[in-house]
PDB file of N, CA and C in Angstrom:
ATOM      1  N   MET A   1      39.919 -57.292  -6.555  1.00  0.00           N
ATOM      2  CA  MET A   1      40.490 -56.347  -5.425  1.00  0.00           C
ATOM      3  C   MET A   1      40.409 -56.968  -3.672  1.00  0.00           C
ATOM      4  N   ASP A   2      42.413 -56.407  -3.316  1.00  0.00           N
ATOM      5  CA  ASP A   2      42.253 -56.502  -2.103  1.00  0.00           C
ATOM      6  C   ASP A   2      41.515 -56.754  -0.661  1.00  0.00           C
ATOM      7  N   VAL A   3      40.553 -57.667  -0.911  1.00  0.00           N
ATOM      8  CA  VAL A   3      39.309 -57.732   0.062  1.00  0.00           C
ATOM      9  C   VAL A   3      40.607 -57.231   1.666  1.00  0.00           C
ATOM     10  N   SER A   4      41.328 -58.126   1.737  1.00  0.00           N
ATOM     11  CA  SER A   4      41.972 -57.645   3.574  1.00  0.00           C
ATOM     12  C   SER A   4      42.526 -55.942   3.041  1.00  0.00           C
ATOM     13  N   PHE A   5      42.485 -55.869   1.931  1.00  0.00           N
ATOM     14  CA  PHE A   5      43.013 -54.513   2.208  1.00  0.00           C
ATOM     15  C   PHE A   5      42.052 -53.450   2.046  1.00  0.00           C
ATOM     16  N   ALA A   6      40.940 -53.511   2.010  1.00  0.00           N
ATOM     17  CA  ALA A   6      39.988 -52.368   1.646  1.00  0.00           C
ATOM     18  C   ALA A   6      39.197 -52.831   3.250  1.00  0.00           C
ATOM     19  N   ILE A   7      39.055 -53.786   3.861  1.00  0.00           N
ATOM     20  CA  ILE A   7      39.329 -54.549   5.372  1.00  0.00           C
ATOM     21  C   ILE A   7      39.705 -52.547   6.229  1.00  0.00           C
ATOM     22  N   GLU A   8      40.872 -53.103   6.155  1.00  0.00           N
ATOM     23  CA  GLU A   8      42.163 -52.082   6.801  1.00  0.00           C
ATOM     24  C   GLU A   8      41.159 -50.725   6.587  1.00  0.00           C
ATOM     25  N   LEU A   9      41.339 -50.018   5.542  1.00  0.00           N
ATOM     26  CA  LEU A   9      41.086 -49.116   4.834  1.00  0.00           C
ATOM     27  C   LEU A   9      39.696 -48.815   5.565  1.00  0.00           C
ATOM     28  N   SER A  10      38.589 -49.557   4.821  1.00  0.00           N
ATOM     29  CA  SER A  10      37.399 -48.568   5.259  1.00  0.00           C
ATOM     30  C   SER A  10      37.828 -48.536   6.885  1.00  0.00           C
ATOM     31  N   GLY A  11      38.451 -49.907   7.916  1.00  0.00           N
ATOM     32  CA  GLY A  11      37.725 -49.615   9.032  1.00  0.00           C
ATOM     33  C   GLY A  11      39.029 -48.160  10.007  1.00  0.00           C
ATOM     34  N   SER A  12      40.610 -48.003   8.712  1.00  0.00           N
ATOM     35  CA  SER A  12      40.750 -46.764   9.224  1.00  0.00           C
ATOM     36  C   SER A  12      40.066 -45.891   9.173  1.00  0.00           C
ATOM     37  N   LEU A  13      39.045 -45.651   8.094  1.00  0.00           N
ATOM     38  CA  LEU A  13      39.031 -44.537   7.983  1.00  0.00           C
ATOM     39  C   LEU A  13      38.095 -43.806   8.727  1.00  0.00           C
ATOM     40  N   CYS A  14      36.958 -44.959   9.549  1.00  0.00           N
ATOM     41  CA  CYS A  14      36.098 -44.883  10.318  1.00  0.00           C
ATOM     42  C   CYS A  14      36.742 -44.541  11.357  1.00  0.00           C
ATOM     43  N   GLU A  15      38.101 -45.271  12.250  1.00  0.00           N
ATOM     44  CA  GLU A  15      37.806 -45.096  13.053  1.00  0.00           C
ATOM     45  C   GLU A  15      38.473 -44.030  13.333  1.00  0.00           C
ATOM     46  N   LEU A  16      39.491 -43.173  11.736  1.00  0.00           N
ATOM     47  CA  LEU A  16      39.446 -41.703  12.152  1.00  0.00           C
ATOM     48  C   LEU A  16      37.880 -40.425  11.718  1.00  0.00           C
ATOM     49  N   GLY A  17      37.183 -40.734  11.953  1.00  0.00           N
ATOM     50  CA  GLY A  17      36.048 -40.068  11.846  1.00  0.00           C
ATOM     51  C   GLY A  17      35.119 -39.183  10.562  1.00  0.00           C
ATOM     52  N   TRP A  18      36.379 -39.853   9.156  1.00  0.00           N
ATOM     53  CA  TRP A  18      36.346 -39.523   8.452  1.00  0.00           C
ATOM     54  C   TRP A  18      34.574 -39.116   7.928  1.00  0.00           C
ATOM     55  N   GLY A  19      34.314 -38.143   7.616  1.00  0.00           N
ATOM     56  CA  GLY A  19      33.067 -37.484   7.008  1.00  0.00           C
ATOM     57  C   GLY A  19      32.388 -38.884   5.580  1.00  0.00           C
ATOM     58  N   GLY A  20      32.915 -39.479   4.728  1.00  0.00           N
ATOM     59  CA  GLY A  20      32.146 -39.848   4.420  1.00  0.00           C
ATOM     60  C   GLY A  20      32.391 -41.141   4.805  1.00  0.00           C
ATOM     61  N   TRP A  21      33.284 -41.856   5.997  1.00  0.00           N
ATOM     62  CA  TRP A  21      32.311 -43.439   5.822  1.00  0.00           C
ATOM     63  C   TRP A  21      30.898 -43.545   5.669  1.00  0.00           C
ATOM     64  N   LYS A  22      29.888 -42.811   5.980  1.00  0.00           N
ATOM     65  CA  LYS A  22      29.490 -43.095   6.504  1.00  0.00           C
ATOM     66  C   LYS A  22      28.196 -43.585   3.812  1.00  0.00           C
ATOM     67  N   SER A  23      29.079 -42.792   3.599  1.00  0.00           N
ATOM     68  CA  SER A  23      28.359 -42.675   2.219  1.00  0.00           C
ATOM     69  C   SER A  23      29.867 -43.980   1.501  1.00  0.00           C
ATOM     70  N   PHE A  24      30.688 -43.622   1.695  1.00  0.00           N
ATOM     71  CA  PHE A  24      31.504 -44.659   1.240  1.00  0.00           C
ATOM     72  C   PHE A  24      32.175 -45.174   1.086  1.00  0.00           C
ATOM     73  N   GLY A  25      32.780 -45.884   2.855  1.00  0.00           N
ATOM     74  CA  GLY A  25      32.958 -46.637   3.840  1.00  0.00           C
ATOM     75  C   GLY A  25      32.128 -48.439   4.084  1.00  0.00           C
ATOM     76  N   LEU A  26      31.150 -47.034   4.272  1.00  0.00           N
ATOM     77  CA  LEU A  26      29.946 -48.326   4.831  1.00  0.00           C
ATOM     78  C   LEU A  26      29.387 -49.417   3.954  1.00  0.00           C
ATOM     79  N   PRO A  27      29.099 -48.756   2.957  1.00  0.00           N
ATOM     80  CA  PRO A  27      28.116 -49.222   1.508  1.00  0.00           C
ATOM     81  C   PRO A  27      29.891 -50.026   0.668  1.00  0.00           C
ATOM     82  N   SER A  28      30.462 -50.011   0.805  1.00  0.00           N
ATOM     83  CA  SER A  28      31.904 -51.249   0.678  1.00  0.00           C
ATOM     84  C   SER A  28      32.329 -51.778   1.835  1.00  0.00           C
ATOM     85  N   VAL A  29      32.161 -51.796   2.825  1.00  0.00           N
ATOM     86  CA  VAL A  29      32.238 -52.347   3.590  1.00  0.00           C
ATOM     87  C   VAL A  29      30.823 -54.500   4.122  1.00  0.00           C
ATOM     88  N   LEU A  30      29.541 -53.037   3.498  1.00  0.00           N
ATOM     89  CA  LEU A  30      28.612 -54.091   3.476  1.00  0.00           C
ATOM     90  C   LEU A  30      27.936 -55.364   2.258  1.00  0.00           C
ATOM     91  N   LYS A  31      29.175 -54.147   1.184  1.00  0.00           N
ATOM     92  CA  LYS A  31      28.746 -54.882  -0.788  1.00  0.00           C
ATOM     93  C   LYS A  31      29.847 -56.040  -0.686  1.00  0.00           C
ATOM     94  N   HIS A  32      31.402 -56.068   0.381  1.00  0.00           N
ATOM     95  CA  HIS A  32      32.127 -57.483   0.175  1.00  0.00           C
ATOM     96  C   HIS A  32      32.106 -57.996   1.790  1.00  0.00           C
ATOM     97  N   THR A  33      31.255 -58.141   2.451  1.00  0.00           N
ATOM     98  CA  THR A  33      31.382 -58.415   3.557  1.00  0.00           C
ATOM     99  C   THR A  33      31.474 -60.617   3.479  1.00  0.00           C
ATOM    100  N   TYR A  34      30.899 -60.671   2.956  1.00  0.00           N
ATOM    101  CA  TYR A  34      29.973 -61.793   2.712  1.00  0.00           C
ATOM    102  C   TYR A  34      31.565 -62.803   1.713  1.00  0.00           C
ATOM    103  N   ARG A  35      31.752 -61.706   0.554  1.00  0.00           N
ATOM    104  CA  ARG A  35      33.513 -62.346   0.382  1.00  0.00           C
ATOM    105  C   ARG A  35      34.861 -62.495   1.415  1.00  0.00           C
ATOM    106  N   ALA A  36      35.107 -61.407   2.126  1.00  0.00           N
ATOM    107  CA  ALA A  36      35.945 -61.920   3.960  1.00  0.00           C
ATOM    108  C   ALA A  36      35.502 -62.571   4.564  1.00  0.00           C
ATOM    109  N   LEU A  37      33.821 -63.042   4.502  1.00  0.00           N
ATOM    110  CA  LEU A  37      33.929 -63.878   5.428  1.00  0.00           C
ATOM    111  C   LEU A  37      34.049 -65.604   5.099  1.00  0.00           C
ATOM    112  N   GLU A  38      34.747 -65.047   3.966  1.00  0.00           N
ATOM    113  CA  GLU A  38      35.197 -66.270   3.259  1.00  0.00           C
ATOM    114  C   GLU A  38      36.752 -66.685   3.324  1.00  0.00           C
ATOM    115  N   THR A  39      37.107 -65.721   3.165  1.00  0.00           N
ATOM    116  CA  THR A  39      38.288 -64.912   2.080  1.00  0.00           C
ATOM    117  C   THR A  39      39.129 -64.931   3.466  1.00  0.00           C
ATOM    118  N   THR A  40      39.189 -63.465   4.429  1.00  0.00           N
ATOM    119  CA  THR A  40      40.002 -63.363   5.388  1.00  0.00           C
ATOM    120  C   THR A  40      38.831 -62.912   6.664  1.00  0.00           C
ATOM    121  N   PRO A  41      38.465 -64.354   7.255  1.00  0.00           N
ATOM    122  CA  PRO A  41      37.383 -63.881   8.271  1.00  0.00           C
ATOM    123  C   PRO A  41      37.228 -63.335   9.860  1.00  0.00           C
ATOM    124  N   THR A  42      38.403 -63.714  10.419  1.00  0.00           N
ATOM    125  CA  THR A  42      39.373 -63.210  11.764  1.00  0.00           C
ATOM    126  C   THR A  42      39.259 -61.336  11.191  1.00  0.00           C
ATOM    127  N   LYS A  43      39.549 -61.201  10.363  1.00  0.00           N
ATOM    128  CA  LYS A  43      40.006 -59.687   9.690  1.00  0.00           C
ATOM    129  C   LYS A  43      38.297 -58.187   9.923  1.00  0.00           C
ATOM    130  N   ILE A  44      37.124 -59.848   9.247  1.00  0.00           N
ATOM    131  CA  ILE A  44      36.129 -58.981   9.178  1.00  0.00           C
ATOM    132  C   ILE A  44      35.135 -58.719   9.970  1.00  0.00           C
ATOM    133  N   LEU A  45      35.034 -59.580  10.691  1.00  0.00           N
ATOM    134  CA  LEU A  45      34.845 -59.620  11.714  1.00  0.00           C
ATOM    135  C   LEU A  45      35.447 -59.842  13.134  1.00  0.00           C
ATOM    136  N   ARG A  46      36.609 -59.093  13.204  1.00  0.00           N
ATOM    137  CA  ARG A  46      37.358 -57.805  13.914  1.00  0.00           C
ATOM    138  C   ARG A  46      36.475 -56.243  13.060  1.00  0.00           C
ATOM    139  N   LEU A  47      36.512 -55.737  12.265  1.00  0.00           N
ATOM    140  CA  LEU A  47      36.006 -54.550  12.024  1.00  0.00           C
ATOM    141  C   LEU A  47      34.900 -54.429  12.278  1.00  0.00           C
ATOM    142  N   LEU A  48      33.595 -56.121  11.983  1.00  0.00           N
ATOM    143  CA  LEU A  48      32.506 -56.534  12.856  1.00  0.00           C
ATOM    144  C   LEU A  48      31.999 -56.169  13.826  1.00  0.00           C
ATOM    145  N   ALA A  49      33.111 -56.232  14.503  1.00  0.00           N
ATOM    146  CA  ALA A  49      33.190 -56.186  16.125  1.00  0.00           C
ATOM    147  C   ALA A  49      33.225 -54.795  16.501  1.00  0.00           C
ATOM    148  N   TRP A  50      33.756 -54.419  15.982  1.00  0.00           N
ATOM    149  CA  TRP A  50      34.331 -52.432  16.780  1.00  0.00           C
ATOM    150  C   TRP A  50      33.385 -51.998  15.963  1.00  0.00           C
ATOM    151  N   LEU A  51      32.481 -52.108  14.601  1.00  0.00           N
ATOM    152  CA  LEU A  51      31.981 -51.244  14.018  1.00  0.00           C
ATOM    153  C   LEU A  51      30.240 -51.509  15.127  1.00  0.00           C
ATOM    154  N   VAL A  52      30.155 -52.324  15.177  1.00  0.00           N
ATOM    155  CA  VAL A  52      28.242 -52.543  16.089  1.00  0.00           C
ATOM    156  C   VAL A  52      29.161 -52.000  17.780  1.00  0.00           C
ATOM    157  N   GLU A  53      30.032 -52.329  17.862  1.00  0.00           N
ATOM    158  CA  GLU A  53      30.562 -51.599  20.044  1.00  0.00           C
ATOM    159  C   GLU A  53      30.533 -50.002  19.270  1.00  0.00           C
ATOM    160  N   GLU A  54      31.697 -49.682  18.051  1.00  0.00           N
ATOM    161  CA  GLU A  54      31.244 -48.414  18.095  1.00  0.00           C
ATOM    162  C   GLU A  54      29.599 -47.915  17.883  1.00  0.00           C
ATOM    163  N   GLN A  55      28.639 -48.629  17.161  1.00  0.00           N
ATOM    164  CA  GLN A  55      27.575 -48.419  16.938  1.00  0.00           C
ATOM    165  C   GLN A  55      27.192 -47.749  15.425  1.00  0.00           C
ATOM    166  N   LYS A  56      28.542 -48.408  14.585  1.00  0.00           N
ATOM    167  CA  LYS A  56      27.944 -47.837  13.050  1.00  0.00           C
ATOM    168  C   LYS A  56      27.714 -48.426  12.253  1.00  0.00           C
ATOM    169  N   LEU A  57      26.452 -49.553  11.926  1.00  0.00           N
ATOM    170  CA  LEU A  57      25.868 -49.959  11.654  1.00  0.00           C
ATOM    171  C   LEU A  57      24.393 -50.482  12.168  1.00  0.00           C
ATOM    172  N   THR A  58      24.295 -49.430  13.186  1.00  0.00           N
ATOM    173  CA  THR A  58      21.952 -49.916  13.000  1.00  0.00           C
ATOM    174  C   THR A  58      21.150 -49.493  12.241  1.00  0.00           C
ATOM    175  N   THR A  59      21.944 -48.429  10.639  1.00  0.00           N
ATOM    176  CA  THR A  59      21.527 -47.888   9.850  1.00  0.00           C
ATOM    177  C   THR A  59      21.093 -49.824   8.892  1.00  0.00           C
ATOM    178  N   VAL A  60      22.182 -50.610   8.667  1.00  0.00           N
ATOM    179  CA  VAL A  60      22.424 -51.105   8.123  1.00  0.00           C
ATOM    180  C   VAL A  60      20.761 -52.118   7.458  1.00  0.00           C
ATOM    181  N   ASP A  61      20.861 -52.361   6.152  1.00  0.00           N
ATOM    182  CA  ASP A  61      20.471 -53.575   6.181  1.00  0.00           C
ATOM    183  C   ASP A  61      19.871 -55.683   7.125  1.00  0.00           C
ATOM    184  N   ALA A  62      18.404 -54.425   7.383  1.00  0.00           N
ATOM    185  CA  ALA A  62      18.231 -56.261   7.800  1.00  0.00           C
ATOM    186  C   ALA A  62      18.701 -57.241   7.142  1.00  0.00           C
ATOM    187  N   ILE A  63      18.582 -57.609   5.864  1.00  0.00           N
ATOM    188  CA  ILE A  63      18.736 -59.123   5.554  1.00  0.00           C
ATOM    189  C   ILE A  63      20.328 -59.097   5.110  1.00  0.00           C
ATOM    190  N   TRP A  64      20.632 -57.783   5.194  1.00  0.00           N
ATOM    191  CA  TRP A  64      21.883 -57.983   5.495  1.00  0.00           C
ATOM    192  C   TRP A  64      22.432 -58.658   6.719  1.00  0.00           C
ATOM    193  N   LYS A  65      21.821 -58.290   7.882  1.00  0.00           N
ATOM    194  CA  LYS A  65      21.969 -58.520   9.513  1.00  0.00           C
ATOM    195  C   LYS A  65      22.329 -60.061   9.085  1.00  0.00           C
ATOM    196  N   GLN A  66      20.904 -59.993   9.141  1.00  0.00           N
ATOM    197  CA  GLN A  66      19.910 -61.875   8.541  1.00  0.00           C
ATOM    198  C   GLN A  66      21.397 -62.475   8.289  1.00  0.00           C
ATOM    199  N   ARG A  67      21.733 -62.159   6.629  1.00  0.00           N
ATOM    200  CA  ARG A  67      22.792 -63.172   6.295  1.00  0.00           C
ATOM    201  C   ARG A  67      23.865 -63.279   7.457  1.00  0.00           C
ATOM    202  N   THR A  68      24.396 -61.569   7.552  1.00  0.00           N
ATOM    203  CA  THR A  68      25.301 -61.956   8.576  1.00  0.00           C
ATOM    204  C   THR A  68      25.498 -62.980   9.314  1.00  0.00           C
ATOM    205  N   GLU A  69      24.359 -62.832  10.590  1.00  0.00           N
ATOM    206  CA  GLU A  69      24.014 -63.498  11.026  1.00  0.00           C
ATOM    207  C   GLU A  69      24.187 -64.925  11.497  1.00  0.00           C
ATOM    208  N   GLN A  70      23.816 -65.512  10.317  1.00  0.00           N
ATOM    209  CA  GLN A  70      23.293 -66.553   9.632  1.00  0.00           C
ATOM    210  C   GLN A  70      24.972 -67.060   8.985  1.00  0.00           C
ATOM    211  N   TRP A  71      25.912 -66.594   8.592  1.00  0.00           N
ATOM    212  CA  TRP A  71      27.325 -67.217   8.201  1.00  0.00           C
ATOM    213  C   TRP A  71      27.729 -67.227   9.442  1.00  0.00           C
ATOM    214  N   ILE A  72      28.034 -65.944  10.598  1.00  0.00           N
ATOM    215  CA  ILE A  72      28.153 -66.604  12.571  1.00  0.00           C
ATOM    216  C   ILE A  72      27.769 -67.816  13.090  1.00  0.00           C
ATOM    217  N   GLU A  73      26.096 -67.535  12.448  1.00  0.00           N
ATOM    218  CA  GLU A  73      25.535 -69.301  13.594  1.00  0.00           C
ATOM    219  C   GLU A  73      26.185 -70.213  13.143  1.00  0.00           C
ATOM    220  N   ASN A  74      26.393 -70.453  11.925  1.00  0.00           N
ATOM    221  CA  ASN A  74      27.316 -71.733  10.978  1.00  0.00           C
ATOM    222  C   ASN A  74      28.139 -71.924  11.131  1.00  0.00           C
ATOM    223  N   ARG A  75      29.175 -71.011  11.480  1.00  0.00           N
ATOM    224  CA  ARG A  75      30.335 -71.153  11.686  1.00  0.00           C
ATOM    225  C   ARG A  75      30.398 -71.782  12.992  1.00  0.00           C
ATOM    226  N   LEU A  76      29.988 -71.142  14.299  1.00  0.00           N
ATOM    227  CA  LEU A  76      30.182 -71.263  15.671  1.00  0.00           C
ATOM    228  C   LEU A  76      29.246 -72.718  16.385  1.00  0.00           C
ATOM    229  N   LEU A  77      28.605 -72.681  14.950  1.00  0.00           N
ATOM    230  CA  LEU A  77      28.017 -74.781  15.509  1.00  0.00           C
ATOM    231  C   LEU A  77      29.416 -75.884  14.467  1.00  0.00           C
ATOM    232  N   ALA A  78      29.612 -74.682  13.113  1.00  0.00           N
ATOM    233  CA  ALA A  78      30.272 -75.709  12.923  1.00  0.00           C
ATOM    234  C   ALA A  78      31.550 -76.277  13.562  1.00  0.00           C
ATOM    235  N   VAL A  79      32.182 -74.751  14.533  1.00  0.00           N
ATOM    236  CA  VAL A  79      33.485 -75.370  15.493  1.00  0.00           C
ATOM    237  C   VAL A  79      33.100 -76.260  16.193  1.00  0.00           C
ATOM    238  N   ASN A  80      31.753 -75.451  16.954  1.00  0.00           N
ATOM    239  CA  ASN A  80      31.427 -76.605  18.150  1.00  0.00           C
ATOM    240  C   ASN A  80      30.906 -77.987  18.338  1.00  0.00           C
ATOM    241  N   CYS A  81      30.488 -78.221  17.119  1.00  0.00           N
ATOM    242  CA  CYS A  81      30.106 -80.009  16.656  1.00  0.00           C
ATOM    243  C   CYS A  81      31.041 -80.484  15.749  1.00  0.00           C
ATOM    244  N   GLN A  82      32.461 -79.663  15.611  1.00  0.00           N
ATOM    245  CA  GLN A  82      33.885 -80.415  15.919  1.00  0.00           C
ATOM    246  C   GLN A  82      34.581 -80.919  17.152  1.00  0.00           C
ATOM    247  N   GLY A  83      34.818 -79.992  18.503  1.00  0.00           N
ATOM    248  CA  GLY A  83      34.850 -80.013  19.142  1.00  0.00           C
ATOM    249  C   GLY A  83      36.535 -79.075  19.257  1.00  0.00           C
ATOM    250  N   SER A  84      36.124 -78.216  18.602  1.00  0.00           N
ATOM    251  CA  SER A  84      37.439 -77.555  18.145  1.00  0.00           C
ATOM    252  C   SER A  84      37.891 -77.167  19.456  1.00  0.00           C
ATOM    253  N   GLU A  85      38.812 -76.220  19.921  1.00  0.00           N
ATOM    254  CA  GLU A  85      39.144 -75.226  20.673  1.00  0.00           C
ATOM    255  C   GLU A  85      39.292 -74.342  20.138  1.00  0.00           C
ATOM    256  N   GLU A  86      39.447 -74.473  18.751  1.00  0.00           N
ATOM    257  CA  GLU A  86      39.919 -72.654  18.085  1.00  0.00           C
ATOM    258  C   GLU A  86      39.796 -71.791  17.904  1.00  0.00           C
ATOM    259  N   ASP A  87      39.814 -70.634  18.448  1.00  0.00           N
ATOM    260  CA  ASP A  87      39.749 -69.814  18.654  1.00  0.00           C
ATOM    261  C   ASP A  87      38.850 -68.476  17.806  1.00  0.00           C
ATOM    262  N   VAL A  88      37.432 -68.921  17.961  1.00  0.00           N
ATOM    263  CA  VAL A  88      37.242 -68.138  16.839  1.00  0.00           C
ATOM    264  C   VAL A  88      36.707 -67.431  16.675  1.00  0.00           C
ATOM    265  N   SER A  89      36.933 -66.614  17.816  1.00  0.00           N
ATOM    266  CA  SER A  89      36.799 -64.355  18.314  1.00  0.00           C
ATOM    267  C   SER A  89      38.074 -63.687  17.780  1.00  0.00           C
ATOM    268  N   GLY A  90      39.022 -65.033  16.681  1.00  0.00           N
ATOM    269  CA  GLY A  90      39.274 -63.908  15.927  1.00  0.00           C
ATOM    270  C   GLY A  90      40.476 -63.580  16.614  1.00  0.00           C
ATOM    271  N   GLY A  91      40.809 -63.715  18.209  1.00  0.00           N
ATOM    272  CA  GLY A  91      41.666 -62.247  18.668  1.00  0.00           C
ATOM    273  C   GLY A  91      40.986 -60.490  19.541  1.00  0.00           C
ATOM    274  N   TYR A  92      39.506 -61.518  19.582  1.00  0.00           N
ATOM    275  CA  TYR A  92      39.152 -59.827  19.374  1.00  0.00           C
ATOM    276  C   TYR A  92      38.617 -59.356  20.991  1.00  0.00           C
ATOM    277  N   SER A  93      39.807 -58.425  21.082  1.00  0.00           N
ATOM    278  CA  SER A  93      39.845 -57.188  22.027  1.00  0.00           C
ATOM    279  C   SER A  93      39.425 -56.447  23.224  1.00  0.00           C
ATOM    280  N   GLY A  94      38.595 -56.761  22.102  1.00  0.00           N
ATOM    281  CA  GLY A  94      37.033 -55.822  22.433  1.00  0.00           C
ATOM    282  C   GLY A  94      37.507 -54.009  22.154  1.00  0.00           C
ATOM    283  N   SER A  95      38.730 -53.824  21.463  1.00  0.00           N
ATOM    284  CA  SER A  95      39.330 -52.277  21.658  1.00  0.00           C
ATOM    285  C   SER A  95      39.070 -51.631  20.320  1.00  0.00           C
ATOM    286  N   SER A  96      40.024 -52.251  19.756  1.00  0.00           N
ATOM    287  CA  SER A  96      40.439 -51.896  18.485  1.00  0.00           C
ATOM    288  C   SER A  96      39.908 -53.489  16.792  1.00  0.00           C
ATOM    289  N   TYR A  97      39.526 -52.994  15.931  1.00  0.00           N
ATOM    290  CA  TYR A  97      39.236 -53.597  15.398  1.00  0.00           C
ATOM    291  C   TYR A  97      40.846 -54.696  14.193  1.00  0.00           C
ATOM    292  N   ASP A  98      42.099 -53.692  14.722  1.00  0.00           N
ATOM    293  CA  ASP A  98      43.954 -54.180  13.981  1.00  0.00           C
ATOM    294  C   ASP A  98      44.358 -55.114  15.904  1.00  0.00           C
ATOM    295  N   THR A  99      43.808 -54.982  15.647  1.00  0.00           N
ATOM    296  CA  THR A  99      44.906 -55.855  17.305  1.00  0.00           C
ATOM    297  C   THR A  99      45.083 -56.928  17.274  1.00  0.00           C
TER     298      THR A  99
END
């Protein structure tokens, strides 16, 4: 599966207000989050930030939230410990996940 394409498609369908988002799009995003965090972290983080902003993740499982938060925390700690000035935000502008 092309994770990058799946992220973009899920985000686009949600942004368009597709009625099947909660039944089909959200489960796909939740299922592939961890693989996407390893392969395309910038894209998935942008999508997740946008979904949070749009309140589309309010009903997700607490374990998924905890695992995702832990990955993000570990990533930020690793960047901080390295003294890197890498842009860990992925360029998130607060408007759309694909900017």
